[in-house]
Each structure stands twice: as C-alpha cells, then as structure tokens.
Amino acid sequence: MDPLQTTRQLAADSFPEAVWVILSGSVLTSARTPGSDLDVVVLLPDGAAGAPRRESLRYDGWPVELFVHDRASLAHYLAKELPGRRPVLHRMVALGTVAVGDAADTQAVARRTLQAGPAPLGQAEQDTIRYALTDLLDDLAHAPDDEQAVVATYIWLRTAEATLNFRDHWIGNGKWLLRELRDLDPAYADRWLAARTSTPAIRDLAEEALTLAGGPLFAGHRVAGERG
C-alpha cells in the first residue's frame, strides 16, 4: 500500500479544507516495518473547529496518528517543545513529505531550527543533570544485587540524555534517543549500545558524561523551593 496516496485520500475524506497535510515518520524511510504507522500533521484554516488535537485511528488498514493544528496552535506547540529539547513536531514537519497543499515556508523554518540545535543549557540546568546522575551512580555503588541491573539500566538511559544535553544536541524519546546519539557521534552511539549489558561499562560512560559538565556534583547542590 502506498502511504502517501492513503494520506491524500484521508485528507480528502476528513480534511477537505486543509491548508496543507504532511506525512512523516519511518513509513517513508528504509526503517519502515510492518508495524509502521502514518504520522500525519494537518494544518487547518485559522480558528477551525477541531484544532488543535491529537487523534489515533485506523484508516484503510493503516494505524494513523493525527496532529491537527491551525497556524496559532502549530506555532504554540513548536515553541513549547524547544525548552524540553525534544523536537518531535519539528521533525515531523521538517522531514515529512507534503501530501496536500504547500508547506514549504513552514518546513523551511522547522529545518532551520533543527539545524541550529537547542539553546545551550544554563548552569542551573547542567547542575540539575549532574546532581541526578551523581546520585544514581551512588545508588549503583550501594545497590544490592537484585537492584543493580535496574539502576544500571536507568543510568544507561540518563547517560545518553546527559551526553546529548551537555554537547548541546537535541534529545529524543524511545528509538529517537539512539537516532540522536548517532547524529551526534556514531562511534559514541556504538559504544553506548555495546555497554547496555555491562554495569562497569555503563558506570564508565556515566562518569565520562559528567566530565563534560565539570564532574560529579553532590555537596553544595542547592535548589530553591516554592512557597505554597
């Protein structure tokens, strides 16, 4: 089945008023699998009913994830994901294929944002990550045998995020965590993958990540609280 043709038919059936429709995701790449879905971003006219929303459905045999916006909501959600450094919607817009309409201007802006990378972390943000990773390594050093594997696995994931953050790179969820590491440094991504079953190797990678931001941090770390 042709995913692009299916997307065009879905747009004609459900969004005849759409300004543009973009199909994105692994379904358009060599990473496509039998379980790949259609990630579809829909831009409706300003103020249109039903926007913004996210909706999951099945259409013509395909699982579909819809991301429906008008210009104001699209701008809001694109801006909202930048502080978290996970540009999910940016990637869908920038790297997708237009099925309906003309999204060239919007795609160009999203591509420039991806290429520029996230804003550098502030000192407080770096310290928060350093403290969390330091604390996890301390847990690992004192964990009983039945807990070590759990703590090590958690450190393995947090180490990847810390490395991406400390090197001013976008981070990702799930499979996109590995994809972002490969984009940053393929050799490092291979080392990170190879370490996943070795607690000493995970510890070494975590300590290496900490050196990028000044080393471990515990004593002296302080975060002001909020008054209720």
C-alpha atoms as a PDB file:
ATOM      1  CA  MET A   1       0.000   0.000   0.000  1.00  0.00           C
ATOM      2  CA  ASP A   2       1.225   3.477  -0.861  1.00  0.00           C
ATOM      3  CA  PRO A   3       1.263   5.526   2.379  1.00  0.00           C
ATOM      4  CA  LEU A   4       1.342   8.856   0.547  1.00  0.00           C
ATOM      5  CA  GLN A   5      -1.691   8.012  -1.561  1.00  0.00           C
ATOM      6  CA  THR A   6      -3.501   6.783   1.539  1.00  0.00           C
ATOM      7  CA  THR A   7      -2.708  10.073   3.287  1.00  0.00           C
ATOM      8  CA  ARG A   8      -4.072  12.058   0.361  1.00  0.00           C
ATOM      9  CA  GLN A   9      -7.294  10.071   0.444  1.00  0.00           C
ATOM     10  CA  LEU A  10      -7.562  10.501   4.218  1.00  0.00           C
ATOM     11  CA  ALA A  11      -7.138  14.243   3.770  1.00  0.00           C
ATOM     12  CA  ALA A  12      -9.803  14.348   1.068  1.00  0.00           C
ATOM     13  CA  ASP A  13     -12.227  12.390   3.239  1.00  0.00           C
ATOM     14  CA  SER A  14     -11.604  14.067   6.589  1.00  0.00           C
ATOM     15  CA  PHE A  15      -9.893  17.404   5.947  1.00  0.00           C
ATOM     16  CA  PRO A  16     -11.033  18.801   2.588  1.00  0.00           C
ATOM     17  CA  GLU A  17     -10.445  22.320   3.910  1.00  0.00           C
ATOM     18  CA  ALA A  18      -6.816  21.667   4.948  1.00  0.00           C
ATOM     19  CA  VAL A  19      -4.192  24.290   4.078  1.00  0.00           C
ATOM     20  CA  TRP A  20      -1.623  21.519   3.917  1.00  0.00           C
ATOM     21  CA  VAL A  21      -1.069  17.951   5.069  1.00  0.00           C
ATOM     22  CA  ILE A  22       2.329  16.390   5.776  1.00  0.00           C
ATOM     23  CA  LEU A  23       3.055  12.670   6.057  1.00  0.00           C
ATOM     24  CA  SER A  24       6.016  11.873   8.278  1.00  0.00           C
ATOM     25  CA  GLY A  25       7.682   9.024  10.117  1.00  0.00           C
ATOM     26  CA  SER A  26       9.611   5.852   9.358  1.00  0.00           C
ATOM     27  CA  VAL A  27       6.940   4.701   6.904  1.00  0.00           C
ATOM     28  CA  LEU A  28       8.687   6.899   4.315  1.00  0.00           C
ATOM     29  CA  THR A  29      12.167   5.526   5.008  1.00  0.00           C
ATOM     30  CA  SER A  30      14.165   2.325   4.891  1.00  0.00           C
ATOM     31  CA  ALA A  31      13.304   1.924   8.598  1.00  0.00           C
ATOM     32  CA  ARG A  32       9.686   1.090   7.678  1.00  0.00           C
ATOM     33  CA  THR A  33       8.360  -2.063   9.356  1.00  0.00           C
ATOM     34  CA  PRO A  34       5.042  -3.941   9.132  1.00  0.00           C
ATOM     35  CA  GLY A  35       4.000  -2.020  12.248  1.00  0.00           C
ATOM     36  CA  SER A  36       4.820   1.439  10.923  1.00  0.00           C
ATOM     37  CA  ASP A  37       2.006   3.952  11.217  1.00  0.00           C
ATOM     38  CA  LEU A  38       1.164   7.124   9.364  1.00  0.00           C
ATOM     39  CA  ASP A  39       2.210  10.230  11.290  1.00  0.00           C
ATOM     40  CA  VAL A  40       0.112  12.968   9.710  1.00  0.00           C
ATOM     41  CA  VAL A  41       0.334  16.678  10.502  1.00  0.00           C
ATOM     42  CA  VAL A  42      -2.685  18.653   9.321  1.00  0.00           C
ATOM     43  CA  LEU A  43      -2.854  22.445   9.119  1.00  0.00           C
ATOM     44  CA  LEU A  44      -6.420  23.779   9.086  1.00  0.00           C
ATOM     45  CA  PRO A  45      -7.553  27.353   8.415  1.00  0.00           C
ATOM     46  CA  ASP A  46      -7.165  29.745  11.334  1.00  0.00           C
ATOM     47  CA  GLY A  47      -9.730  29.171  14.055  1.00  0.00           C
ATOM     48  CA  ALA A  48     -11.063  25.961  12.512  1.00  0.00           C
ATOM     49  CA  ALA A  49     -13.075  23.664  14.749  1.00  0.00           C
ATOM     50  CA  GLY A  50     -11.238  20.543  15.872  1.00  0.00           C
ATOM     51  CA  ALA A  51      -7.833  22.200  16.155  1.00  0.00           C
ATOM     52  CA  PRO A  52      -5.650  21.623  17.967  1.00  0.00           C
ATOM     53  CA  ARG A  53      -5.934  17.935  18.703  1.00  0.00           C
ATOM     54  CA  ARG A  54      -4.095  14.650  18.531  1.00  0.00           C
ATOM     55  CA  GLU A  55      -6.077  11.633  17.406  1.00  0.00           C
ATOM     56  CA  SER A  56      -5.286   7.957  16.831  1.00  0.00           C
ATOM     57  CA  LEU A  57      -7.343   5.958  14.358  1.00  0.00           C
ATOM     58  CA  ARG A  58      -7.266   3.292  11.673  1.00  0.00           C
ATOM     59  CA  TYR A  59      -7.794   4.182   8.051  1.00  0.00           C
ATOM     60  CA  ASP A  60      -7.714   1.856   5.077  1.00  0.00           C
ATOM     61  CA  GLY A  61      -5.804  -0.739   7.087  1.00  0.00           C
ATOM     62  CA  TRP A  62      -3.244   1.735   8.443  1.00  0.00           C
ATOM     63  CA  PRO A  63      -2.741   2.876  12.048  1.00  0.00           C
ATOM     64  CA  VAL A  64      -2.745   6.678  11.903  1.00  0.00           C
ATOM     65  CA  GLU A  65      -1.557   9.329  14.345  1.00  0.00           C
ATOM     66  CA  LEU A  66      -3.075  12.707  13.524  1.00  0.00           C
ATOM     67  CA  PHE A  67      -1.649  16.017  14.716  1.00  0.00           C
ATOM     68  CA  VAL A  68      -4.215  18.650  13.797  1.00  0.00           C
ATOM     69  CA  HIS A  69      -3.473  22.368  14.107  1.00  0.00           C
ATOM     70  CA  ASP A  70      -4.202  25.829  12.826  1.00  0.00           C
ATOM     71  CA  ARG A  71      -1.338  28.305  12.469  1.00  0.00           C
ATOM     72  CA  ALA A  72      -1.600  29.658  16.006  1.00  0.00           C
ATOM     73  CA  SER A  73      -1.661  26.256  17.682  1.00  0.00           C
ATOM     74  CA  LEU A  74       1.114  24.920  15.456  1.00  0.00           C
ATOM     75  CA  ALA A  75       3.349  27.841  16.405  1.00  0.00           C
ATOM     76  CA  HIS A  76       2.464  27.314  20.079  1.00  0.00           C
ATOM     77  CA  TYR A  77       3.337  23.617  20.104  1.00  0.00           C
ATOM     78  CA  LEU A  78       6.504  24.078  18.069  1.00  0.00           C
ATOM     79  CA  ALA A  79       7.700  26.681  20.564  1.00  0.00           C
ATOM     80  CA  LYS A  80       6.577  24.581  23.532  1.00  0.00           C
ATOM     81  CA  GLU A  81       8.856  21.655  22.734  1.00  0.00           C
ATOM     82  CA  LEU A  82      12.062  23.731  22.477  1.00  0.00           C
ATOM     83  CA  PRO A  83      12.761  24.099  26.238  1.00  0.00           C
ATOM     84  CA  GLY A  84      12.483  20.319  26.610  1.00  0.00           C
ATOM     85  CA  ARG A  85      14.971  19.880  23.743  1.00  0.00           C
ATOM     86  CA  ARG A  86      12.833  17.133  22.150  1.00  0.00           C
ATOM     87  CA  PRO A  87      11.809  18.470  18.702  1.00  0.00           C
ATOM     88  CA  VAL A  88       9.228  15.814  17.834  1.00  0.00           C
ATOM     89  CA  LEU A  89       6.812  18.072  15.963  1.00  0.00           C
ATOM     90  CA  HIS A  90       9.686  19.962  14.353  1.00  0.00           C
ATOM     91  CA  ARG A  91      10.997  16.710  12.888  1.00  0.00           C
ATOM     92  CA  MET A  92       7.599  15.653  11.602  1.00  0.00           C
ATOM     93  CA  VAL A  93       7.125  18.980   9.838  1.00  0.00           C
ATOM     94  CA  ALA A  94      10.702  19.427   8.621  1.00  0.00           C
ATOM     95  CA  LEU A  95      11.389  15.883   7.428  1.00  0.00           C
ATOM     96  CA  GLY A  96       7.948  14.833   6.223  1.00  0.00           C
ATOM     97  CA  THR A  97       6.565  14.733   2.704  1.00  0.00           C
ATOM     98  CA  VAL A  98       3.800  17.111   1.711  1.00  0.00           C
ATOM     99  CA  ALA A  99       0.694  15.189   0.679  1.00  0.00           C
ATOM    100  CA  VAL A 100      -1.625  18.167   0.176  1.00  0.00           C
ATOM    101  CA  GLY A 101      -1.019  21.902  -0.284  1.00  0.00           C
ATOM    102  CA  ASP A 102       2.152  23.933   0.071  1.00  0.00           C
ATOM    103  CA  ALA A 103       4.067  23.742   3.375  1.00  0.00           C
ATOM    104  CA  ALA A 104       7.434  24.944   2.048  1.00  0.00           C
ATOM    105  CA  ASP A 105       7.720  28.015   4.275  1.00  0.00           C
ATOM    106  CA  THR A 106       6.771  26.146   7.444  1.00  0.00           C
ATOM    107  CA  GLN A 107       9.112  23.280   6.617  1.00  0.00           C
ATOM    108  CA  ALA A 108      11.991  25.679   5.962  1.00  0.00           C
ATOM    109  CA  VAL A 109      11.591  27.292   9.393  1.00  0.00           C
ATOM    110  CA  ALA A 110      11.432  23.904  11.123  1.00  0.00           C
ATOM    111  CA  ARG A 111      14.545  22.719   9.274  1.00  0.00           C
ATOM    112  CA  ARG A 112      16.487  25.807  10.309  1.00  0.00           C
ATOM    113  CA  THR A 113      15.506  25.221  13.929  1.00  0.00           C
ATOM    114  CA  LEU A 114      16.690  21.607  13.795  1.00  0.00           C
ATOM    115  CA  GLN A 115      19.967  22.564  12.154  1.00  0.00           C
ATOM    116  CA  ALA A 116      20.633  25.282  14.729  1.00  0.00           C
ATOM    117  CA  GLY A 117      20.266  22.860  17.619  1.00  0.00           C
ATOM    118  CA  PRO A 118      18.935  23.662  21.086  1.00  0.00           C
ATOM    119  CA  ALA A 119      19.987  26.649  23.140  1.00  0.00           C
ATOM    120  CA  PRO A 120      22.954  25.896  25.437  1.00  0.00           C
ATOM    121  CA  LEU A 121      21.999  24.692  28.889  1.00  0.00           C
ATOM    122  CA  GLY A 122      22.148  27.203  31.696  1.00  0.00           C
ATOM    123  CA  GLN A 123      24.352  26.461  34.692  1.00  0.00           C
ATOM    124  CA  ALA A 124      21.383  25.530  36.879  1.00  0.00           C
ATOM    125  CA  GLU A 125      20.137  23.070  34.253  1.00  0.00           C
ATOM    126  CA  GLN A 126      23.578  21.493  33.932  1.00  0.00           C
ATOM    127  CA  ASP A 127      23.874  21.196  37.698  1.00  0.00           C
ATOM    128  CA  THR A 128      20.492  19.502  37.970  1.00  0.00           C
ATOM    129  CA  ILE A 129      21.546  16.843  35.455  1.00  0.00           C
ATOM    130  CA  ARG A 130      24.970  16.441  37.121  1.00  0.00           C
ATOM    131  CA  TYR A 131      23.373  16.003  40.530  1.00  0.00           C
ATOM    132  CA  ALA A 132      20.845  13.439  39.286  1.00  0.00           C
ATOM    133  CA  LEU A 133      23.492  11.347  37.525  1.00  0.00           C
ATOM    134  CA  THR A 134      25.861  11.587  40.519  1.00  0.00           C
ATOM    135  CA  ASP A 135      23.070  10.411  42.815  1.00  0.00           C
ATOM    136  CA  LEU A 136      22.280   7.461  40.533  1.00  0.00           C
ATOM    137  CA  LEU A 137      25.922   6.397  40.461  1.00  0.00           C
ATOM    138  CA  ASP A 138      25.926   6.471  44.265  1.00  0.00           C
ATOM    139  CA  ASP A 139      22.806   4.273  44.263  1.00  0.00           C
ATOM    140  CA  LEU A 140      24.541   1.880  41.891  1.00  0.00           C
ATOM    141  CA  ALA A 141      27.599   1.621  44.114  1.00  0.00           C
ATOM    142  CA  HIS A 142      25.483   0.572  47.103  1.00  0.00           C
ATOM    143  CA  ALA A 143      22.604  -1.293  45.460  1.00  0.00           C
ATOM    144  CA  PRO A 144      22.003  -4.935  46.364  1.00  0.00           C
ATOM    145  CA  ASP A 145      22.480  -7.424  43.552  1.00  0.00           C
ATOM    146  CA  ASP A 146      18.783  -7.677  42.704  1.00  0.00           C
ATOM    147  CA  GLU A 147      18.541  -3.891  42.204  1.00  0.00           C
ATOM    148  CA  GLN A 148      21.809  -3.246  40.395  1.00  0.00           C
ATOM    149  CA  ALA A 149      20.512  -4.193  36.954  1.00  0.00           C
ATOM    150  CA  VAL A 150      17.547  -1.844  37.305  1.00  0.00           C
ATOM    151  CA  VAL A 151      19.661   1.084  38.467  1.00  0.00           C
ATOM    152  CA  ALA A 152      22.289   0.418  35.790  1.00  0.00           C
ATOM    153  CA  THR A 153      19.668   0.372  33.037  1.00  0.00           C
ATOM    154  CA  TYR A 154      18.251   3.660  34.267  1.00  0.00           C
ATOM    155  CA  ILE A 155      21.742   5.194  34.366  1.00  0.00           C
ATOM    156  CA  TRP A 156      22.357   3.927  30.816  1.00  0.00           C
ATOM    157  CA  LEU A 157      19.372   5.891  29.518  1.00  0.00           C
ATOM    158  CA  ARG A 158      20.079   9.009  31.592  1.00  0.00           C
ATOM    159  CA  THR A 159      23.707   8.962  30.444  1.00  0.00           C
ATOM    160  CA  ALA A 160      22.620   9.178  26.811  1.00  0.00           C
ATOM    161  CA  GLU A 161      20.388  12.149  27.586  1.00  0.00           C
ATOM    162  CA  ALA A 162      23.110  13.841  29.655  1.00  0.00           C
ATOM    163  CA  THR A 163      25.664  13.425  26.876  1.00  0.00           C
ATOM    164  CA  LEU A 164      23.310  14.935  24.319  1.00  0.00           C
ATOM    165  CA  ASN A 165      22.400  17.774  26.655  1.00  0.00           C
ATOM    166  CA  PHE A 166      25.964  18.593  27.662  1.00  0.00           C
ATOM    167  CA  ARG A 167      27.003  18.640  23.999  1.00  0.00           C
ATOM    168  CA  ASP A 168      24.154  20.989  23.034  1.00  0.00           C
ATOM    169  CA  HIS A 169      22.329  18.439  20.920  1.00  0.00           C
ATOM    170  CA  TRP A 170      18.653  17.597  20.632  1.00  0.00           C
ATOM    171  CA  ILE A 171      17.479  14.624  22.694  1.00  0.00           C
ATOM    172  CA  GLY A 172      14.775  12.110  21.871  1.00  0.00           C
ATOM    173  CA  ASN A 173      12.345   9.558  23.269  1.00  0.00           C
ATOM    174  CA  GLY A 174      12.441   5.831  22.576  1.00  0.00           C
ATOM    175  CA  LYS A 175      14.148   4.977  19.305  1.00  0.00           C
ATOM    176  CA  TRP A 176      14.892   8.655  18.765  1.00  0.00           C
ATOM    177  CA  LEU A 177      17.316   8.591  21.695  1.00  0.00           C
ATOM    178  CA  LEU A 178      19.584   6.296  19.694  1.00  0.00           C
ATOM    179  CA  ARG A 179      18.988   8.232  16.479  1.00  0.00           C
ATOM    180  CA  GLU A 180      20.036  11.477  18.135  1.00  0.00           C
ATOM    181  CA  LEU A 181      23.178   9.826  19.520  1.00  0.00           C
ATOM    182  CA  ARG A 182      24.039   8.558  16.060  1.00  0.00           C
ATOM    183  CA  ASP A 183      23.503  12.011  14.647  1.00  0.00           C
ATOM    184  CA  LEU A 184      25.803  13.454  17.304  1.00  0.00           C
ATOM    185  CA  ASP A 185      28.574  10.830  17.160  1.00  0.00           C
ATOM    186  CA  PRO A 186      28.133   7.395  15.511  1.00  0.00           C
ATOM    187  CA  ALA A 187      31.156   5.922  17.290  1.00  0.00           C
ATOM    188  CA  TYR A 188      29.841   7.044  20.680  1.00  0.00           C
ATOM    189  CA  ALA A 189      26.405   5.636  19.857  1.00  0.00           C
ATOM    190  CA  ASP A 190      28.003   2.250  19.147  1.00  0.00           C
ATOM    191  CA  ARG A 191      29.872   2.343  22.481  1.00  0.00           C
ATOM    192  CA  TRP A 192      26.692   3.292  24.297  1.00  0.00           C
ATOM    193  CA  LEU A 193      24.789   0.394  22.724  1.00  0.00           C
ATOM    194  CA  ALA A 194      27.573  -2.081  23.487  1.00  0.00           C
ATOM    195  CA  ALA A 195      27.590  -1.020  27.153  1.00  0.00           C
ATOM    196  CA  ARG A 196      23.954  -1.829  27.833  1.00  0.00           C
ATOM    197  CA  THR A 197      24.628  -5.293  29.362  1.00  0.00           C
ATOM    198  CA  SER A 198      27.724  -4.305  31.353  1.00  0.00           C
ATOM    199  CA  THR A 199      27.345  -2.449  34.636  1.00  0.00           C
ATOM    200  CA  PRO A 200      31.035  -1.380  34.730  1.00  0.00           C
ATOM    201  CA  ALA A 201      30.803  -0.061  31.147  1.00  0.00           C
ATOM    202  CA  ILE A 202      27.640   1.877  31.986  1.00  0.00           C
ATOM    203  CA  ARG A 203      29.371   3.383  35.016  1.00  0.00           C
ATOM    204  CA  ASP A 204      32.323   4.422  32.863  1.00  0.00           C
ATOM    205  CA  LEU A 205      30.064   6.128  30.314  1.00  0.00           C
ATOM    206  CA  ALA A 206      28.177   7.966  33.055  1.00  0.00           C
ATOM    207  CA  GLU A 207      31.404   9.224  34.599  1.00  0.00           C
ATOM    208  CA  GLU A 208      32.590  10.270  31.141  1.00  0.00           C
ATOM    209  CA  ALA A 209      29.356  12.225  30.630  1.00  0.00           C
ATOM    210  CA  LEU A 210      29.835  14.017  33.939  1.00  0.00           C
ATOM    211  CA  THR A 211      33.271  15.244  32.900  1.00  0.00           C
ATOM    212  CA  LEU A 212      31.603  17.187  30.065  1.00  0.00           C
ATOM    213  CA  ALA A 213      29.958  19.468  32.638  1.00  0.00           C
ATOM    214  CA  GLY A 214      32.520  19.671  35.416  1.00  0.00           C
ATOM    215  CA  GLY A 215      32.321  16.247  37.049  1.00  0.00           C
ATOM    216  CA  PRO A 216      30.098  14.772  39.784  1.00  0.00           C
ATOM    217  CA  LEU A 217      28.006  17.113  41.891  1.00  0.00           C
ATOM    218  CA  PHE A 218      26.526  16.439  45.311  1.00  0.00           C
ATOM    219  CA  ALA A 219      27.819  18.600  48.159  1.00  0.00           C
ATOM    220  CA  GLY A 220      26.787  22.181  47.636  1.00  0.00           C
ATOM    221  CA  HIS A 221      23.961  21.457  45.206  1.00  0.00           C
ATOM    222  CA  ARG A 222      21.008  23.613  46.189  1.00  0.00           C
ATOM    223  CA  VAL A 223      17.619  24.256  44.592  1.00  0.00           C
ATOM    224  CA  ALA A 224      15.245  26.882  45.965  1.00  0.00           C
ATOM    225  CA  GLY A 225      11.749  25.627  46.663  1.00  0.00           C
ATOM    226  CA  GLU A 226       8.360  27.223  46.062  1.00  0.00           C
ATOM    227  CA  ARG A 227       6.012  28.652  48.637  1.00  0.00           C
ATOM    228  CA  GLY A 228       2.527  27.198  48.526  1.00  0.00           C
END
